[in-house]
Amino acid sequence: NLGLPDAGIENTGTTRALLVQVLRRLRPAIVIAPAPQGRHPDHRVATELVRDACFLAGIMKFATGLPAHRPRKVLYAVAYREDAPK
């Protein structure tokens, strides 16, 4: 979770750079992120953060000291269904 606070995740230059470093270090082919319609505010923001960081990780001029790497796919997963039968 990069040490980001619960209910306090933000899509900022700092958080994007943190995630870019992890993506470049691990070099995943596929990244799974929360679905954009998630009910928790962190999930909605994390969706944007992951999408943006995956793109930036592939830009060579985005300096982190690690070689550029862009995942081939970003998959979005629904963690909670509000329309599920009770």
N, C-alpha and C. Protein backbone atom coordinates (compact mmCIF):
# COMPACT_ATOMS: atom_id res chain seq x y z
N ASN A 1 0.81 -1.21 0.00
CA ASN A 1 0.00 0.00 0.00
C ASN A 1 0.85 1.26 0.00
N LEU A 2 2.13 1.14 -0.13
CA LEU A 2 3.07 2.27 -0.20
C LEU A 2 3.06 3.13 1.06
N GLY A 3 2.44 2.64 2.13
CA GLY A 3 2.37 3.41 3.36
C GLY A 3 1.39 4.56 3.30
N LEU A 4 0.49 4.54 2.31
CA LEU A 4 -0.49 5.61 2.18
C LEU A 4 -1.61 5.42 3.21
N PRO A 5 -2.18 6.51 3.70
CA PRO A 5 -3.17 6.40 4.78
C PRO A 5 -4.52 5.90 4.29
N ASP A 6 -5.22 5.17 5.15
CA ASP A 6 -6.58 4.75 4.86
C ASP A 6 -7.47 5.98 4.80
N ALA A 7 -8.30 6.04 3.77
CA ALA A 7 -9.21 7.17 3.55
C ALA A 7 -8.46 8.47 3.29
N GLY A 8 -7.21 8.36 2.81
CA GLY A 8 -6.43 9.55 2.54
C GLY A 8 -5.54 9.44 1.32
N ILE A 9 -5.82 8.47 0.45
CA ILE A 9 -5.01 8.31 -0.76
C ILE A 9 -5.30 9.48 -1.70
N GLU A 10 -4.24 10.03 -2.28
CA GLU A 10 -4.37 11.12 -3.24
C GLU A 10 -3.55 10.79 -4.47
N ASN A 11 -4.04 11.24 -5.61
CA ASN A 11 -3.32 11.07 -6.87
C ASN A 11 -2.52 12.35 -7.10
N THR A 12 -1.31 12.37 -6.55
CA THR A 12 -0.45 13.55 -6.64
C THR A 12 0.85 13.16 -7.33
N GLY A 13 1.66 14.13 -7.62
CA GLY A 13 2.97 13.85 -8.21
C GLY A 13 3.80 12.94 -7.32
N THR A 14 3.70 13.13 -6.02
CA THR A 14 4.47 12.32 -5.07
C THR A 14 4.00 10.87 -5.06
N THR A 15 2.68 10.66 -4.99
CA THR A 15 2.17 9.28 -4.95
C THR A 15 2.37 8.59 -6.29
N ARG A 16 2.25 9.32 -7.39
CA ARG A 16 2.52 8.71 -8.71
C ARG A 16 3.97 8.27 -8.79
N ALA A 17 4.89 9.11 -8.33
CA ALA A 17 6.32 8.75 -8.38
C ALA A 17 6.61 7.52 -7.52
N LEU A 18 5.98 7.41 -6.35
CA LEU A 18 6.15 6.21 -5.51
C LEU A 18 5.72 4.96 -6.25
N LEU A 19 4.55 5.03 -6.88
CA LEU A 19 4.04 3.86 -7.58
C LEU A 19 4.85 3.56 -8.84
N VAL A 20 5.31 4.58 -9.53
CA VAL A 20 6.17 4.37 -10.71
C VAL A 20 7.42 3.60 -10.31
N GLN A 21 8.02 3.94 -9.18
CA GLN A 21 9.22 3.23 -8.73
C GLN A 21 8.93 1.74 -8.52
N VAL A 22 7.80 1.43 -7.89
CA VAL A 22 7.44 0.03 -7.65
C VAL A 22 7.19 -0.68 -8.97
N LEU A 23 6.46 -0.04 -9.88
CA LEU A 23 6.18 -0.66 -11.18
C LEU A 23 7.46 -0.93 -11.95
N ARG A 24 8.38 0.00 -11.91
CA ARG A 24 9.64 -0.19 -12.63
C ARG A 24 10.51 -1.25 -11.97
N ARG A 25 10.46 -1.33 -10.67
CA ARG A 25 11.26 -2.35 -9.96
C ARG A 25 10.70 -3.75 -10.20
N LEU A 26 9.38 -3.90 -10.13
CA LEU A 26 8.76 -5.21 -10.26
C LEU A 26 8.48 -5.61 -11.71
N ARG A 27 8.31 -4.65 -12.59
CA ARG A 27 8.09 -4.86 -14.02
C ARG A 27 6.93 -5.81 -14.34
N PRO A 28 5.75 -5.56 -13.77
CA PRO A 28 4.63 -6.46 -14.04
C PRO A 28 4.11 -6.31 -15.47
N ALA A 29 3.60 -7.39 -16.03
CA ALA A 29 2.95 -7.34 -17.34
C ALA A 29 1.50 -6.88 -17.18
N ILE A 30 0.88 -7.28 -16.06
CA ILE A 30 -0.51 -6.95 -15.79
C ILE A 30 -0.61 -6.34 -14.40
N VAL A 31 -1.41 -5.29 -14.27
CA VAL A 31 -1.66 -4.64 -12.98
C VAL A 31 -3.16 -4.69 -12.74
N ILE A 32 -3.56 -5.06 -11.52
CA ILE A 32 -4.97 -5.10 -11.16
C ILE A 32 -5.25 -3.95 -10.20
N ALA A 33 -6.24 -3.16 -10.54
CA ALA A 33 -6.62 -1.98 -9.75
C ALA A 33 -8.09 -2.08 -9.36
N PRO A 34 -8.50 -1.32 -8.36
CA PRO A 34 -9.93 -1.30 -8.03
C PRO A 34 -10.74 -0.74 -9.20
N ALA A 35 -11.98 -1.18 -9.30
CA ALA A 35 -12.88 -0.65 -10.32
C ALA A 35 -13.19 0.81 -10.04
N PRO A 36 -13.38 1.62 -11.08
CA PRO A 36 -13.60 3.05 -10.87
C PRO A 36 -14.87 3.40 -10.12
N GLN A 37 -15.85 2.52 -10.10
CA GLN A 37 -17.10 2.83 -9.42
C GLN A 37 -17.14 2.33 -7.99
N GLY A 38 -16.01 2.05 -7.40
CA GLY A 38 -15.96 1.56 -6.03
C GLY A 38 -16.60 2.52 -5.04
N ARG A 39 -17.16 1.98 -3.97
CA ARG A 39 -17.86 2.83 -3.00
C ARG A 39 -16.91 3.54 -2.05
N HIS A 40 -15.72 2.98 -1.83
CA HIS A 40 -14.75 3.61 -0.92
C HIS A 40 -13.99 4.69 -1.69
N PRO A 41 -13.90 5.90 -1.14
CA PRO A 41 -13.19 6.98 -1.85
C PRO A 41 -11.76 6.60 -2.24
N ASP A 42 -11.06 5.84 -1.40
CA ASP A 42 -9.70 5.42 -1.75
C ASP A 42 -9.68 4.57 -3.01
N HIS A 43 -10.70 3.74 -3.21
CA HIS A 43 -10.72 2.86 -4.39
C HIS A 43 -10.86 3.68 -5.66
N ARG A 44 -11.72 4.69 -5.63
CA ARG A 44 -11.87 5.55 -6.82
C ARG A 44 -10.57 6.29 -7.12
N VAL A 45 -9.94 6.81 -6.10
CA VAL A 45 -8.68 7.55 -6.30
C VAL A 45 -7.57 6.58 -6.72
N ALA A 46 -7.54 5.40 -6.12
CA ALA A 46 -6.50 4.41 -6.46
C ALA A 46 -6.61 4.01 -7.93
N THR A 47 -7.82 3.93 -8.46
CA THR A 47 -8.01 3.62 -9.88
C THR A 47 -7.27 4.63 -10.74
N GLU A 48 -7.46 5.91 -10.46
CA GLU A 48 -6.80 6.96 -11.23
C GLU A 48 -5.29 6.95 -11.00
N LEU A 49 -4.88 6.74 -9.76
CA LEU A 49 -3.47 6.71 -9.42
C LEU A 49 -2.76 5.59 -10.18
N VAL A 50 -3.34 4.41 -10.17
CA VAL A 50 -2.74 3.26 -10.86
C VAL A 50 -2.68 3.51 -12.36
N ARG A 51 -3.79 3.99 -12.93
CA ARG A 51 -3.81 4.27 -14.38
C ARG A 51 -2.71 5.27 -14.76
N ASP A 52 -2.62 6.37 -14.02
CA ASP A 52 -1.63 7.40 -14.32
C ASP A 52 -0.21 6.90 -14.13
N ALA A 53 0.04 6.18 -13.04
CA ALA A 53 1.40 5.69 -12.76
C ALA A 53 1.83 4.65 -13.78
N CYS A 54 0.91 3.80 -14.23
CA CYS A 54 1.26 2.81 -15.26
C CYS A 54 1.70 3.50 -16.54
N PHE A 55 1.02 4.58 -16.89
CA PHE A 55 1.42 5.33 -18.07
C PHE A 55 2.78 5.99 -17.87
N LEU A 56 2.94 6.69 -16.75
CA LEU A 56 4.19 7.41 -16.48
C LEU A 56 5.39 6.48 -16.35
N ALA A 57 5.18 5.27 -15.87
CA ALA A 57 6.28 4.31 -15.70
C ALA A 57 6.94 3.98 -17.03
N GLY A 58 6.20 4.16 -18.13
CA GLY A 58 6.75 3.87 -19.45
C GLY A 58 7.43 5.04 -20.12
N ILE A 59 7.46 6.18 -19.47
CA ILE A 59 8.11 7.37 -20.05
C ILE A 59 9.55 7.44 -19.55
N MET A 60 10.48 7.34 -20.48
CA MET A 60 11.90 7.32 -20.10
C MET A 60 12.33 8.58 -19.37
N LYS A 61 11.77 9.72 -19.72
CA LYS A 61 12.19 10.99 -19.10
C LYS A 61 11.59 11.20 -17.72
N PHE A 62 10.68 10.31 -17.29
CA PHE A 62 10.15 10.39 -15.93
C PHE A 62 11.21 9.74 -15.05
N ALA A 63 12.06 10.56 -14.45
CA ALA A 63 13.26 10.07 -13.76
C ALA A 63 12.95 9.44 -12.41
N THR A 64 13.40 8.20 -12.23
CA THR A 64 13.35 7.53 -10.94
C THR A 64 14.63 6.76 -10.66
N GLY A 65 15.55 6.77 -11.65
CA GLY A 65 16.77 5.99 -11.49
C GLY A 65 16.61 4.55 -11.94
N LEU A 66 15.44 4.19 -12.42
CA LEU A 66 15.17 2.83 -12.90
C LEU A 66 14.74 2.90 -14.36
N PRO A 67 15.01 1.85 -15.14
CA PRO A 67 14.60 1.88 -16.55
C PRO A 67 13.08 1.90 -16.70
N ALA A 68 12.62 2.57 -17.74
CA ALA A 68 11.19 2.67 -18.00
C ALA A 68 10.57 1.30 -18.23
N HIS A 69 9.34 1.15 -17.76
CA HIS A 69 8.57 -0.08 -17.97
C HIS A 69 7.10 0.27 -17.87
N ARG A 70 6.34 -0.08 -18.91
CA ARG A 70 4.89 0.14 -18.86
C ARG A 70 4.20 -1.22 -18.91
N PRO A 71 3.37 -1.52 -17.93
CA PRO A 71 2.61 -2.77 -17.97
C PRO A 71 1.76 -2.84 -19.25
N ARG A 72 1.57 -4.06 -19.76
CA ARG A 72 0.80 -4.24 -20.99
C ARG A 72 -0.69 -4.02 -20.77
N LYS A 73 -1.17 -4.37 -19.57
CA LYS A 73 -2.61 -4.26 -19.29
C LYS A 73 -2.85 -3.77 -17.87
N VAL A 74 -3.93 -3.02 -17.71
CA VAL A 74 -4.44 -2.68 -16.39
C VAL A 74 -5.84 -3.27 -16.34
N LEU A 75 -6.07 -4.14 -15.37
CA LEU A 75 -7.39 -4.75 -15.17
C LEU A 75 -8.05 -4.10 -13.97
N TYR A 76 -9.34 -3.91 -14.05
CA TYR A 76 -10.10 -3.30 -12.96
C TYR A 76 -11.00 -4.35 -12.32
N ALA A 77 -10.91 -4.49 -11.02
CA ALA A 77 -11.65 -5.52 -10.29
C ALA A 77 -12.65 -4.89 -9.34
N VAL A 78 -13.86 -5.43 -9.35
CA VAL A 78 -14.90 -4.99 -8.43
C VAL A 78 -14.72 -5.77 -7.13
N ALA A 79 -14.53 -5.06 -6.03
CA ALA A 79 -14.31 -5.71 -4.74
C ALA A 79 -15.60 -5.83 -3.94
N TYR A 80 -16.61 -5.04 -4.33
CA TYR A 80 -17.85 -5.02 -3.57
C TYR A 80 -18.98 -4.67 -4.53
N ARG A 81 -20.04 -5.45 -4.50
CA ARG A 81 -21.19 -5.16 -5.36
C ARG A 81 -22.34 -4.64 -4.50
N GLU A 82 -22.76 -3.44 -4.78
CA GLU A 82 -23.88 -2.87 -4.04
C GLU A 82 -25.22 -3.44 -4.50
N ASP A 83 -25.25 -4.07 -5.68
CA ASP A 83 -26.50 -4.62 -6.19
C ASP A 83 -26.63 -6.12 -5.92
N ALA A 84 -25.70 -6.69 -5.14
CA ALA A 84 -25.74 -8.12 -4.86
C ALA A 84 -26.95 -8.44 -3.97
N PRO A 85 -27.58 -9.60 -4.19
CA PRO A 85 -28.72 -9.98 -3.34
C PRO A 85 -28.26 -10.17 -1.89
N LYS A 86 -29.15 -9.84 -0.98
CA LYS A 86 -28.81 -9.94 0.45
C LYS A 86 -29.37 -11.20 1.04
